[in-house]
Amino acid sequence: MRNDYKIGDLVQLLEGVHQDEIPDHRMGVVVGGVDPESDYYPDVFDILFFGNNEPLRFHKMYLEYVVKE
C-alpha cells in the first residue's frame, strides 16, 4: 500500500497509538505536512480528526488509508 499522503486524504490512525484528543473512530483528513527540506522529520503529517478543532501530528507509520470496500 502506498504511503505518500497528501492534503485531503482520508486516513485512520492505527490501533496502539494513544493520545487524549484522539476520538474513538480514529478517522481524519490530512490537512498538512512538514516541509521535506526542513530539519524536522519529513514523514510527519497533520491530521484533523472528525469532531476535533485542532489537527494532531503523526508519523506516516501510524496512518493508513481509508478505502471503500
PDB file of N, CA and C in Angstrom:
ATOM      1  N   MET A   1       0.847  -1.190   0.000  1.00  0.00           N
ATOM      2  CA  MET A   1       0.000   0.000   0.000  1.00  0.00           C
ATOM      3  C   MET A   1       0.885   1.243   0.000  1.00  0.00           C
ATOM      4  N   ARG A   2       0.486   2.224  -0.724  1.00  0.00           N
ATOM      5  CA  ARG A   2       1.270   3.458  -0.801  1.00  0.00           C
ATOM      6  C   ARG A   2       1.189   4.233   0.519  1.00  0.00           C
ATOM      7  N   ASN A   3       2.152   5.049   0.761  1.00  0.00           N
ATOM      8  CA  ASN A   3       2.135   5.877   1.960  1.00  0.00           C
ATOM      9  C   ASN A   3       2.649   7.279   1.666  1.00  0.00           C
ATOM     10  N   ASP A   4       2.335   7.768   0.476  1.00  0.00           N
ATOM     11  CA  ASP A   4       2.686   9.125   0.077  1.00  0.00           C
ATOM     12  C   ASP A   4       1.456  10.013   0.274  1.00  0.00           C
ATOM     13  N   TYR A   5       1.133  10.273   1.516  1.00  0.00           N
ATOM     14  CA  TYR A   5      -0.086  11.006   1.853  1.00  0.00           C
ATOM     15  C   TYR A   5      -0.024  12.437   1.329  1.00  0.00           C
ATOM     16  N   LYS A   6      -1.214  12.952   0.992  1.00  0.00           N
ATOM     17  CA  LYS A   6      -1.307  14.346   0.551  1.00  0.00           C
ATOM     18  C   LYS A   6      -2.529  14.981   1.199  1.00  0.00           C
ATOM     19  N   ILE A   7      -2.566  16.287   1.177  1.00  0.00           N
ATOM     20  CA  ILE A   7      -3.676  17.023   1.786  1.00  0.00           C
ATOM     21  C   ILE A   7      -4.986  16.570   1.162  1.00  0.00           C
ATOM     22  N   GLY A   8      -5.958  16.277   2.031  1.00  0.00           N
ATOM     23  CA  GLY A   8      -7.267  15.833   1.588  1.00  0.00           C
ATOM     24  C   GLY A   8      -7.480  14.338   1.686  1.00  0.00           C
ATOM     25  N   ASP A   9      -6.415  13.563   1.887  1.00  0.00           N
ATOM     26  CA  ASP A   9      -6.554  12.109   2.002  1.00  0.00           C
ATOM     27  C   ASP A   9      -7.283  11.746   3.292  1.00  0.00           C
ATOM     28  N   LEU A  10      -8.173  10.772   3.194  1.00  0.00           N
ATOM     29  CA  LEU A  10      -8.886  10.247   4.354  1.00  0.00           C
ATOM     30  C   LEU A  10      -8.053   9.118   4.944  1.00  0.00           C
ATOM     31  N   VAL A  11      -7.711   9.244   6.224  1.00  0.00           N
ATOM     32  CA  VAL A  11      -6.840   8.266   6.867  1.00  0.00           C
ATOM     33  C   VAL A  11      -7.428   7.826   8.202  1.00  0.00           C
ATOM     34  N   GLN A  12      -6.884   6.726   8.695  1.00  0.00           N
ATOM     35  CA  GLN A  12      -7.248   6.235  10.020  1.00  0.00           C
ATOM     36  C   GLN A  12      -5.955   5.983  10.780  1.00  0.00           C
ATOM     37  N   LEU A  13      -5.968   6.368  12.040  1.00  0.00           N
ATOM     38  CA  LEU A  13      -4.821   6.155  12.904  1.00  0.00           C
ATOM     39  C   LEU A  13      -4.834   4.709  13.383  1.00  0.00           C
ATOM     40  N   LEU A  14      -3.698   4.045  13.303  1.00  0.00           N
ATOM     41  CA  LEU A  14      -3.614   2.646  13.695  1.00  0.00           C
ATOM     42  C   LEU A  14      -3.856   2.479  15.196  1.00  0.00           C
ATOM     43  N   GLU A  15      -4.368   1.322  15.569  1.00  0.00           N
ATOM     44  CA  GLU A  15      -4.543   0.991  16.983  1.00  0.00           C
ATOM     45  C   GLU A  15      -3.170   0.949  17.648  1.00  0.00           C
ATOM     46  N   GLY A  16      -3.143   1.241  18.928  1.00  0.00           N
ATOM     47  CA  GLY A  16      -1.895   1.213  19.672  1.00  0.00           C
ATOM     48  C   GLY A  16      -1.307   2.597  19.902  1.00  0.00           C
ATOM     49  N   VAL A  17      -1.807   3.598  19.188  1.00  0.00           N
ATOM     50  CA  VAL A  17      -1.374   4.981  19.384  1.00  0.00           C
ATOM     51  C   VAL A  17      -2.392   5.638  20.304  1.00  0.00           C
ATOM     52  N   HIS A  18      -1.918   6.219  21.404  1.00  0.00           N
ATOM     53  CA  HIS A  18      -2.837   6.785  22.391  1.00  0.00           C
ATOM     54  C   HIS A  18      -2.517   8.251  22.651  1.00  0.00           C
ATOM     55  N   GLN A  19      -3.558   9.042  22.658  1.00  0.00           N
ATOM     56  CA  GLN A  19      -3.480  10.460  22.993  1.00  0.00           C
ATOM     57  C   GLN A  19      -4.905  10.871  23.346  1.00  0.00           C
ATOM     58  N   ASP A  20      -5.076  11.673  24.378  1.00  0.00           N
ATOM     59  CA  ASP A  20      -6.416  12.030  24.855  1.00  0.00           C
ATOM     60  C   ASP A  20      -7.307  12.617  23.777  1.00  0.00           C
ATOM     61  N   GLU A  21      -6.738  13.357  22.838  1.00  0.00           N
ATOM     62  CA  GLU A  21      -7.528  14.059  21.833  1.00  0.00           C
ATOM     63  C   GLU A  21      -7.976  13.169  20.675  1.00  0.00           C
ATOM     64  N   ILE A  22      -7.532  11.937  20.626  1.00  0.00           N
ATOM     65  CA  ILE A  22      -7.884  11.043  19.522  1.00  0.00           C
ATOM     66  C   ILE A  22      -9.278  10.470  19.763  1.00  0.00           C
ATOM     67  N   PRO A  23     -10.223  10.692  18.842  1.00  0.00           N
ATOM     68  CA  PRO A  23     -11.569  10.140  19.015  1.00  0.00           C
ATOM     69  C   PRO A  23     -11.572   8.622  18.789  1.00  0.00           C
ATOM     70  N   ASP A  24     -12.599   7.966  19.281  1.00  0.00           N
ATOM     71  CA  ASP A  24     -12.696   6.507  19.175  1.00  0.00           C
ATOM     72  C   ASP A  24     -12.674   6.013  17.732  1.00  0.00           C
ATOM     73  N   HIS A  25     -13.253   6.785  16.803  1.00  0.00           N
ATOM     74  CA  HIS A  25     -13.302   6.333  15.406  1.00  0.00           C
ATOM     75  C   HIS A  25     -11.954   6.424  14.706  1.00  0.00           C
ATOM     76  N   ARG A  26     -11.042   7.237  15.222  1.00  0.00           N
ATOM     77  CA  ARG A  26      -9.658   7.340  14.747  1.00  0.00           C
ATOM     78  C   ARG A  26      -9.533   7.765  13.280  1.00  0.00           C
ATOM     79  N   MET A  27     -10.572   8.331  12.689  1.00  0.00           N
ATOM     80  CA  MET A  27     -10.518   8.748  11.283  1.00  0.00           C
ATOM     81  C   MET A  27     -10.390  10.265  11.168  1.00  0.00           C
ATOM     82  N   GLY A  28      -9.629  10.678  10.163  1.00  0.00           N
ATOM     83  CA  GLY A  28      -9.455  12.097   9.936  1.00  0.00           C
ATOM     84  C   GLY A  28      -8.941  12.366   8.535  1.00  0.00           C
ATOM     85  N   VAL A  29      -8.656  13.621   8.285  1.00  0.00           N
ATOM     86  CA  VAL A  29      -8.195  14.076   6.975  1.00  0.00           C
ATOM     87  C   VAL A  29      -6.807  14.694   7.130  1.00  0.00           C
ATOM     88  N   VAL A  30      -5.934  14.402   6.177  1.00  0.00           N
ATOM     89  CA  VAL A  30      -4.615  15.028   6.157  1.00  0.00           C
ATOM     90  C   VAL A  30      -4.801  16.500   5.802  1.00  0.00           C
ATOM     91  N   VAL A  31      -4.357  17.386   6.688  1.00  0.00           N
ATOM     92  CA  VAL A  31      -4.517  18.825   6.444  1.00  0.00           C
ATOM     93  C   VAL A  31      -3.173  19.536   6.300  1.00  0.00           C
ATOM     94  N   GLY A  32      -2.090  18.794   6.422  1.00  0.00           N
ATOM     95  CA  GLY A  32      -0.781  19.417   6.266  1.00  0.00           C
ATOM     96  C   GLY A  32       0.323  18.410   6.491  1.00  0.00           C
ATOM     97  N   GLY A  33       1.514  18.855   6.219  1.00  0.00           N
ATOM     98  CA  GLY A  33       2.691  18.021   6.423  1.00  0.00           C
ATOM     99  C   GLY A  33       3.882  18.898   6.699  1.00  0.00           C
ATOM    100  N   VAL A  34       4.962  18.279   7.071  1.00  0.00           N
ATOM    101  CA  VAL A  34       6.189  19.009   7.358  1.00  0.00           C
ATOM    102  C   VAL A  34       6.974  19.166   6.061  1.00  0.00           C
ATOM    103  N   ASP A  35       7.518  20.335   5.848  1.00  0.00           N
ATOM    104  CA  ASP A  35       8.322  20.605   4.658  1.00  0.00           C
ATOM    105  C   ASP A  35       9.489  19.614   4.602  1.00  0.00           C
ATOM    106  N   PRO A  36       9.592  18.826   3.526  1.00  0.00           N
ATOM    107  CA  PRO A  36      10.670  17.829   3.439  1.00  0.00           C
ATOM    108  C   PRO A  36      12.065  18.428   3.487  1.00  0.00           C
ATOM    109  N   GLU A  37      12.200  19.708   3.215  1.00  0.00           N
ATOM    110  CA  GLU A  37      13.508  20.367   3.242  1.00  0.00           C
ATOM    111  C   GLU A  37      13.878  20.856   4.646  1.00  0.00           C
ATOM    112  N   SER A  38      12.943  20.752   5.594  1.00  0.00           N
ATOM    113  CA  SER A  38      13.213  21.246   6.941  1.00  0.00           C
ATOM    114  C   SER A  38      14.045  20.230   7.719  1.00  0.00           C
ATOM    115  N   ASP A  39      14.497  20.636   8.883  1.00  0.00           N
ATOM    116  CA  ASP A  39      15.268  19.740   9.748  1.00  0.00           C
ATOM    117  C   ASP A  39      14.358  18.776  10.503  1.00  0.00           C
ATOM    118  N   TYR A  40      13.038  18.986  10.413  1.00  0.00           N
ATOM    119  CA  TYR A  40      12.085  18.125  11.090  1.00  0.00           C
ATOM    120  C   TYR A  40      11.859  16.882  10.235  1.00  0.00           C
ATOM    121  N   TYR A  41      11.291  15.861  10.816  1.00  0.00           N
ATOM    122  CA  TYR A  41      11.038  14.623  10.090  1.00  0.00           C
ATOM    123  C   TYR A  41      10.107  14.867   8.901  1.00  0.00           C
ATOM    124  N   PRO A  42      10.487  14.449   7.688  1.00  0.00           N
ATOM    125  CA  PRO A  42       9.672  14.735   6.503  1.00  0.00           C
ATOM    126  C   PRO A  42       8.434  13.848   6.375  1.00  0.00           C
ATOM    127  N   ASP A  43       8.339  12.782   7.137  1.00  0.00           N
ATOM    128  CA  ASP A  43       7.233  11.842   7.001  1.00  0.00           C
ATOM    129  C   ASP A  43       6.179  12.038   8.084  1.00  0.00           C
ATOM    130  N   VAL A  44       6.041  13.269   8.564  1.00  0.00           N
ATOM    131  CA  VAL A  44       5.085  13.597   9.617  1.00  0.00           C
ATOM    132  C   VAL A  44       3.964  14.426   9.007  1.00  0.00           C
ATOM    133  N   PHE A  45       2.717  14.092   9.371  1.00  0.00           N
ATOM    134  CA  PHE A  45       1.554  14.748   8.790  1.00  0.00           C
ATOM    135  C   PHE A  45       0.614  15.261   9.869  1.00  0.00           C
ATOM    136  N   ASP A  46      -0.055  16.372   9.559  1.00  0.00           N
ATOM    137  CA  ASP A  46      -1.079  16.936  10.438  1.00  0.00           C
ATOM    138  C   ASP A  46      -2.411  16.325  10.051  1.00  0.00           C
ATOM    139  N   ILE A  47      -3.098  15.731  11.033  1.00  0.00           N
ATOM    140  CA  ILE A  47      -4.372  15.056  10.809  1.00  0.00           C
ATOM    141  C   ILE A  47      -5.450  15.756  11.611  1.00  0.00           C
ATOM    142  N   LEU A  48      -6.519  16.154  10.925  1.00  0.00           N
ATOM    143  CA  LEU A  48      -7.679  16.739  11.591  1.00  0.00           C
ATOM    144  C   LEU A  48      -8.723  15.641  11.726  1.00  0.00           C
ATOM    145  N   PHE A  49      -8.952  15.215  12.966  1.00  0.00           N
ATOM    146  CA  PHE A  49      -9.925  14.167  13.223  1.00  0.00           C
ATOM    147  C   PHE A  49     -11.325  14.753  13.243  1.00  0.00           C
ATOM    148  N   PHE A  50     -12.282  14.002  12.745  1.00  0.00           N
ATOM    149  CA  PHE A  50     -13.672  14.438  12.739  1.00  0.00           C
ATOM    150  C   PHE A  50     -14.124  14.623  14.183  1.00  0.00           C
ATOM    151  N   GLY A  51     -14.625  15.811  14.499  1.00  0.00           N
ATOM    152  CA  GLY A  51     -15.054  16.135  15.853  1.00  0.00           C
ATOM    153  C   GLY A  51     -14.034  16.951  16.628  1.00  0.00           C
ATOM    154  N   ASN A  52     -12.814  17.101  16.101  1.00  0.00           N
ATOM    155  CA  ASN A  52     -11.783  17.915  16.750  1.00  0.00           C
ATOM    156  C   ASN A  52     -11.649  19.250  16.029  1.00  0.00           C
ATOM    157  N   ASN A  53     -11.138  20.243  16.750  1.00  0.00           N
ATOM    158  CA  ASN A  53     -10.932  21.572  16.163  1.00  0.00           C
ATOM    159  C   ASN A  53      -9.485  21.833  15.765  1.00  0.00           C
ATOM    160  N   GLU A  54      -8.564  21.074  16.333  1.00  0.00           N
ATOM    161  CA  GLU A  54      -7.145  21.282  16.061  1.00  0.00           C
ATOM    162  C   GLU A  54      -6.532  19.995  15.519  1.00  0.00           C
ATOM    163  N   PRO A  55      -5.682  20.102  14.509  1.00  0.00           N
ATOM    164  CA  PRO A  55      -5.029  18.898  13.986  1.00  0.00           C
ATOM    165  C   PRO A  55      -3.981  18.367  14.960  1.00  0.00           C
ATOM    166  N   LEU A  56      -3.717  17.086  14.843  1.00  0.00           N
ATOM    167  CA  LEU A  56      -2.664  16.431  15.606  1.00  0.00           C
ATOM    168  C   LEU A  56      -1.626  15.920  14.617  1.00  0.00           C
ATOM    169  N   ARG A  57      -0.394  15.764  15.072  1.00  0.00           N
ATOM    170  CA  ARG A  57       0.713  15.416  14.174  1.00  0.00           C
ATOM    171  C   ARG A  57       1.165  13.980  14.434  1.00  0.00           C
ATOM    172  N   PHE A  58       1.269  13.206  13.322  1.00  0.00           N
ATOM    173  CA  PHE A  58       1.680  11.812  13.425  1.00  0.00           C
ATOM    174  C   PHE A  58       2.627  11.435  12.295  1.00  0.00           C
ATOM    175  N   HIS A  59       3.513  10.491  12.579  1.00  0.00           N
ATOM    176  CA  HIS A  59       4.388   9.933  11.559  1.00  0.00           C
ATOM    177  C   HIS A  59       3.558   9.001  10.679  1.00  0.00           C
ATOM    178  N   LYS A  60       3.926   8.898   9.416  1.00  0.00           N
ATOM    179  CA  LYS A  60       3.158   8.101   8.455  1.00  0.00           C
ATOM    180  C   LYS A  60       3.077   6.623   8.826  1.00  0.00           C
ATOM    181  N   MET A  61       3.985   6.129   9.637  1.00  0.00           N
ATOM    182  CA  MET A  61       3.946   4.715  10.015  1.00  0.00           C
ATOM    183  C   MET A  61       2.727   4.372  10.874  1.00  0.00           C
ATOM    184  N   TYR A  62       2.072   5.405  11.429  1.00  0.00           N
ATOM    185  CA  TYR A  62       0.891   5.187  12.260  1.00  0.00           C
ATOM    186  C   TYR A  62      -0.413   5.448  11.520  1.00  0.00           C
ATOM    187  N   LEU A  63      -0.327   5.716  10.214  1.00  0.00           N
ATOM    188  CA  LEU A  63      -1.507   6.048   9.426  1.00  0.00           C
ATOM    189  C   LEU A  63      -1.784   4.982   8.374  1.00  0.00           C
ATOM    190  N   GLU A  64      -3.042   4.843   8.017  1.00  0.00           N
ATOM    191  CA  GLU A  64      -3.408   4.001   6.889  1.00  0.00           C
ATOM    192  C   GLU A  64      -4.562   4.669   6.143  1.00  0.00           C
ATOM    193  N   TYR A  65      -4.612   4.432   4.840  1.00  0.00           N
ATOM    194  CA  TYR A  65      -5.689   4.984   4.033  1.00  0.00           C
ATOM    195  C   TYR A  65      -7.014   4.327   4.383  1.00  0.00           C
ATOM    196  N   VAL A  66      -8.068   5.103   4.339  1.00  0.00           N
ATOM    197  CA  VAL A  66      -9.419   4.555   4.460  1.00  0.00           C
ATOM    198  C   VAL A  66      -9.900   4.310   3.045  1.00  0.00           C
ATOM    199  N   VAL A  67     -10.244   3.059   2.760  1.00  0.00           N
ATOM    200  CA  VAL A  67     -10.690   2.696   1.419  1.00  0.00           C
ATOM    201  C   VAL A  67     -12.098   2.135   1.479  1.00  0.00           C
ATOM    202  N   LYS A  68     -12.881   2.420   0.463  1.00  0.00           N
ATOM    203  CA  LYS A  68     -14.232   1.908   0.358  1.00  0.00           C
ATOM    204  C   LYS A  68     -14.166   0.439  -0.077  1.00  0.00           C
ATOM    205  N   GLU A  69     -14.876  -0.391   0.636  1.00  0.00           N
ATOM    206  CA  GLU A  69     -14.847  -1.824   0.296  1.00  0.00           C
ATOM    207  C   GLU A  69     -16.027  -2.219  -0.545  1.00  0.00           C
TER     208      GLU A  69
END
